[in-house]
Amino acid sequence: MTITVNVGDADLNELLAKVEAGEDVVLVRDGVPVAQVKSLAPQPASKTELIQTILREREGRPSITQEEIAEWKQVGRR
């Protein structure tokens, strides 16, 4: 999400909080964009990328049986 703010009205702490939350902030002076502030933190991956990562991690692992799952549940109830 991009937020446009007037430079004179800007509260630096509020702007930094928005940037830390992953929002881009465009600073505007007299109706003209003069700067854009972006987070340096890596952005979260898309849902598709996350699903692909999970599927890659699961490749080659043995399948889990229903019996194993039932056993784990019993162990967890002890």
N, C-alpha and C. Protein backbone atom coordinates (compact mmCIF):
# COMPACT_ATOMS: atom_id res chain seq x y z
N MET A 1 0.85 -1.17 0.00
CA MET A 1 0.00 0.00 0.00
C MET A 1 0.89 1.23 0.00
N THR A 2 0.52 2.22 -0.76
CA THR A 2 1.27 3.46 -0.80
C THR A 2 0.46 4.55 -0.10
N ILE A 3 1.12 5.30 0.77
CA ILE A 3 0.47 6.39 1.49
C ILE A 3 1.16 7.68 1.06
N THR A 4 0.37 8.67 0.69
CA THR A 4 0.92 9.97 0.31
C THR A 4 0.70 10.94 1.46
N VAL A 5 1.77 11.63 1.86
CA VAL A 5 1.65 12.60 2.96
C VAL A 5 2.31 13.91 2.55
N ASN A 6 1.81 14.98 3.11
CA ASN A 6 2.43 16.28 2.89
C ASN A 6 3.61 16.42 3.84
N VAL A 7 4.74 16.90 3.34
CA VAL A 7 5.97 16.98 4.12
C VAL A 7 5.75 17.78 5.40
N GLY A 8 5.06 18.88 5.33
CA GLY A 8 4.86 19.73 6.50
C GLY A 8 4.00 19.09 7.57
N ASP A 9 3.13 18.18 7.17
CA ASP A 9 2.22 17.54 8.12
C ASP A 9 2.77 16.23 8.66
N ALA A 10 3.94 15.84 8.23
CA ALA A 10 4.46 14.51 8.54
C ALA A 10 4.94 14.40 9.98
N ASP A 11 4.59 13.30 10.61
CA ASP A 11 5.10 12.94 11.93
C ASP A 11 6.07 11.78 11.67
N LEU A 12 7.35 12.00 11.88
CA LEU A 12 8.37 11.02 11.52
C LEU A 12 8.14 9.67 12.19
N ASN A 13 7.77 9.67 13.47
CA ASN A 13 7.53 8.40 14.16
C ASN A 13 6.39 7.62 13.52
N GLU A 14 5.33 8.33 13.15
CA GLU A 14 4.19 7.67 12.51
C GLU A 14 4.58 7.12 11.14
N LEU A 15 5.35 7.90 10.38
CA LEU A 15 5.79 7.45 9.06
C LEU A 15 6.68 6.22 9.17
N LEU A 16 7.60 6.22 10.11
CA LEU A 16 8.49 5.07 10.29
C LEU A 16 7.70 3.83 10.71
N ALA A 17 6.69 4.02 11.53
CA ALA A 17 5.86 2.88 11.94
C ALA A 17 5.16 2.28 10.73
N LYS A 18 4.67 3.12 9.83
CA LYS A 18 4.01 2.63 8.62
C LYS A 18 5.00 1.90 7.72
N VAL A 19 6.20 2.45 7.59
CA VAL A 19 7.23 1.82 6.75
C VAL A 19 7.63 0.47 7.35
N GLU A 20 7.79 0.41 8.67
CA GLU A 20 8.13 -0.85 9.34
C GLU A 20 7.03 -1.89 9.15
N ALA A 21 5.79 -1.43 8.99
CA ALA A 21 4.66 -2.34 8.78
C ALA A 21 4.57 -2.80 7.33
N GLY A 22 5.50 -2.33 6.49
CA GLY A 22 5.55 -2.79 5.11
C GLY A 22 4.92 -1.85 4.09
N GLU A 23 4.53 -0.67 4.51
CA GLU A 23 3.91 0.27 3.59
C GLU A 23 4.97 1.20 2.99
N ASP A 24 4.76 1.59 1.73
CA ASP A 24 5.61 2.59 1.10
C ASP A 24 4.98 3.96 1.38
N VAL A 25 5.81 4.94 1.66
CA VAL A 25 5.32 6.29 1.95
C VAL A 25 5.90 7.24 0.92
N VAL A 26 5.02 7.99 0.25
CA VAL A 26 5.45 9.00 -0.71
C VAL A 26 5.33 10.36 -0.04
N LEU A 27 6.42 11.13 -0.01
CA LEU A 27 6.40 12.47 0.57
C LEU A 27 6.12 13.47 -0.53
N VAL A 28 5.17 14.36 -0.28
CA VAL A 28 4.72 15.32 -1.28
C VAL A 28 4.90 16.73 -0.74
N ARG A 29 5.44 17.61 -1.58
CA ARG A 29 5.58 19.03 -1.22
C ARG A 29 4.84 19.84 -2.28
N ASP A 30 3.86 20.63 -1.85
CA ASP A 30 3.07 21.46 -2.75
C ASP A 30 2.46 20.64 -3.89
N GLY A 31 1.99 19.44 -3.56
CA GLY A 31 1.34 18.60 -4.55
C GLY A 31 2.27 17.83 -5.47
N VAL A 32 3.59 17.96 -5.26
CA VAL A 32 4.57 17.29 -6.12
C VAL A 32 5.31 16.23 -5.30
N PRO A 33 5.29 14.97 -5.75
CA PRO A 33 6.04 13.93 -5.03
C PRO A 33 7.54 14.25 -5.05
N VAL A 34 8.17 14.20 -3.85
CA VAL A 34 9.59 14.53 -3.77
C VAL A 34 10.44 13.36 -3.27
N ALA A 35 9.83 12.40 -2.62
CA ALA A 35 10.61 11.27 -2.09
C ALA A 35 9.68 10.10 -1.81
N GLN A 36 10.29 8.92 -1.79
CA GLN A 36 9.55 7.72 -1.41
C GLN A 36 10.37 6.99 -0.37
N VAL A 37 9.72 6.58 0.73
CA VAL A 37 10.39 5.87 1.80
C VAL A 37 9.91 4.42 1.76
N LYS A 38 10.87 3.49 1.67
CA LYS A 38 10.55 2.07 1.61
C LYS A 38 11.30 1.34 2.71
N SER A 39 10.76 0.23 3.14
CA SER A 39 11.40 -0.59 4.16
C SER A 39 12.63 -1.29 3.59
N LEU A 40 13.65 -1.43 4.41
CA LEU A 40 14.83 -2.20 4.02
C LEU A 40 14.66 -3.67 4.34
N ALA A 41 13.66 -4.00 5.15
CA ALA A 41 13.40 -5.40 5.50
C ALA A 41 12.85 -6.13 4.29
N PRO A 42 13.24 -7.40 4.13
CA PRO A 42 12.69 -8.15 3.00
C PRO A 42 11.18 -8.30 3.13
N GLN A 43 10.50 -8.19 2.01
CA GLN A 43 9.05 -8.33 2.00
C GLN A 43 8.67 -9.80 2.07
N PRO A 44 7.56 -10.10 2.71
CA PRO A 44 7.15 -11.50 2.80
C PRO A 44 6.86 -12.06 1.42
N ALA A 45 7.12 -13.35 1.28
CA ALA A 45 6.88 -14.02 0.00
C ALA A 45 5.38 -14.12 -0.25
N SER A 46 5.04 -14.27 -1.51
CA SER A 46 3.63 -14.44 -1.86
C SER A 46 3.16 -15.81 -1.39
N LYS A 47 1.85 -15.99 -1.35
CA LYS A 47 1.30 -17.28 -0.93
C LYS A 47 1.79 -18.39 -1.85
N THR A 48 1.82 -18.10 -3.15
CA THR A 48 2.27 -19.11 -4.11
C THR A 48 3.71 -19.52 -3.85
N GLU A 49 4.59 -18.54 -3.57
CA GLU A 49 5.99 -18.85 -3.27
C GLU A 49 6.11 -19.68 -1.99
N LEU A 50 5.31 -19.34 -0.99
CA LEU A 50 5.36 -20.10 0.27
C LEU A 50 4.91 -21.54 0.06
N ILE A 51 3.84 -21.73 -0.70
CA ILE A 51 3.35 -23.09 -0.97
C ILE A 51 4.40 -23.88 -1.74
N GLN A 52 5.04 -23.26 -2.73
CA GLN A 52 6.08 -23.95 -3.50
C GLN A 52 7.25 -24.33 -2.61
N THR A 53 7.61 -23.47 -1.67
CA THR A 53 8.70 -23.76 -0.75
C THR A 53 8.35 -24.96 0.13
N ILE A 54 7.12 -24.99 0.64
CA ILE A 54 6.69 -26.11 1.47
C ILE A 54 6.71 -27.41 0.68
N LEU A 55 6.20 -27.37 -0.55
CA LEU A 55 6.18 -28.58 -1.38
C LEU A 55 7.59 -29.08 -1.68
N ARG A 56 8.52 -28.15 -1.95
CA ARG A 56 9.92 -28.55 -2.20
C ARG A 56 10.51 -29.21 -0.97
N GLU A 57 10.23 -28.65 0.21
CA GLU A 57 10.75 -29.21 1.46
C GLU A 57 10.20 -30.60 1.74
N ARG A 58 8.98 -30.86 1.31
CA ARG A 58 8.34 -32.15 1.58
C ARG A 58 8.79 -33.24 0.61
N GLU A 59 9.36 -32.83 -0.53
CA GLU A 59 9.79 -33.81 -1.53
C GLU A 59 10.83 -34.76 -0.93
N GLY A 60 10.68 -36.04 -1.22
CA GLY A 60 11.65 -37.02 -0.77
C GLY A 60 11.44 -37.51 0.65
N ARG A 61 10.56 -36.89 1.38
CA ARG A 61 10.29 -37.34 2.75
C ARG A 61 9.29 -38.49 2.68
N PRO A 62 9.42 -39.45 3.56
CA PRO A 62 8.47 -40.57 3.54
C PRO A 62 7.07 -40.09 3.96
N SER A 63 6.07 -40.74 3.39
CA SER A 63 4.69 -40.40 3.74
C SER A 63 4.39 -40.83 5.16
N ILE A 64 3.49 -40.13 5.79
CA ILE A 64 3.08 -40.45 7.16
C ILE A 64 1.77 -41.22 7.08
N THR A 65 1.67 -42.29 7.85
CA THR A 65 0.46 -43.11 7.84
C THR A 65 -0.54 -42.61 8.87
N GLN A 66 -1.77 -43.02 8.68
CA GLN A 66 -2.82 -42.67 9.64
C GLN A 66 -2.51 -43.25 11.02
N GLU A 67 -1.89 -44.42 11.03
CA GLU A 67 -1.54 -45.06 12.30
C GLU A 67 -0.52 -44.22 13.07
N GLU A 68 0.46 -43.68 12.35
CA GLU A 68 1.47 -42.83 13.00
C GLU A 68 0.82 -41.58 13.60
N ILE A 69 -0.08 -40.99 12.86
CA ILE A 69 -0.76 -39.79 13.36
C ILE A 69 -1.56 -40.12 14.62
N ALA A 70 -2.28 -41.25 14.58
CA ALA A 70 -3.07 -41.66 15.76
C ALA A 70 -2.16 -41.91 16.96
N GLU A 71 -0.99 -42.52 16.71
CA GLU A 71 -0.04 -42.77 17.80
C GLU A 71 0.47 -41.47 18.40
N TRP A 72 0.80 -40.51 17.54
CA TRP A 72 1.29 -39.21 18.03
C TRP A 72 0.22 -38.51 18.87
N LYS A 73 -1.03 -38.64 18.46
CA LYS A 73 -2.11 -38.02 19.25
C LYS A 73 -2.19 -38.64 20.63
N GLN A 74 -2.04 -39.97 20.70
CA GLN A 74 -2.09 -40.66 21.98
C GLN A 74 -0.93 -40.24 22.86
N VAL A 75 0.24 -40.10 22.28
CA VAL A 75 1.43 -39.68 23.05
C VAL A 75 1.19 -38.25 23.59
N GLY A 76 0.60 -37.41 22.76
CA GLY A 76 0.36 -36.03 23.18
C GLY A 76 -0.67 -35.90 24.28
N ARG A 77 -1.52 -36.89 24.44
CA ARG A 77 -2.56 -36.85 25.47
C ARG A 77 -2.08 -37.34 26.82
N ARG A 78 -0.89 -37.88 26.88
CA ARG A 78 -0.36 -38.42 28.14
C ARG A 78 0.07 -37.34 29.10
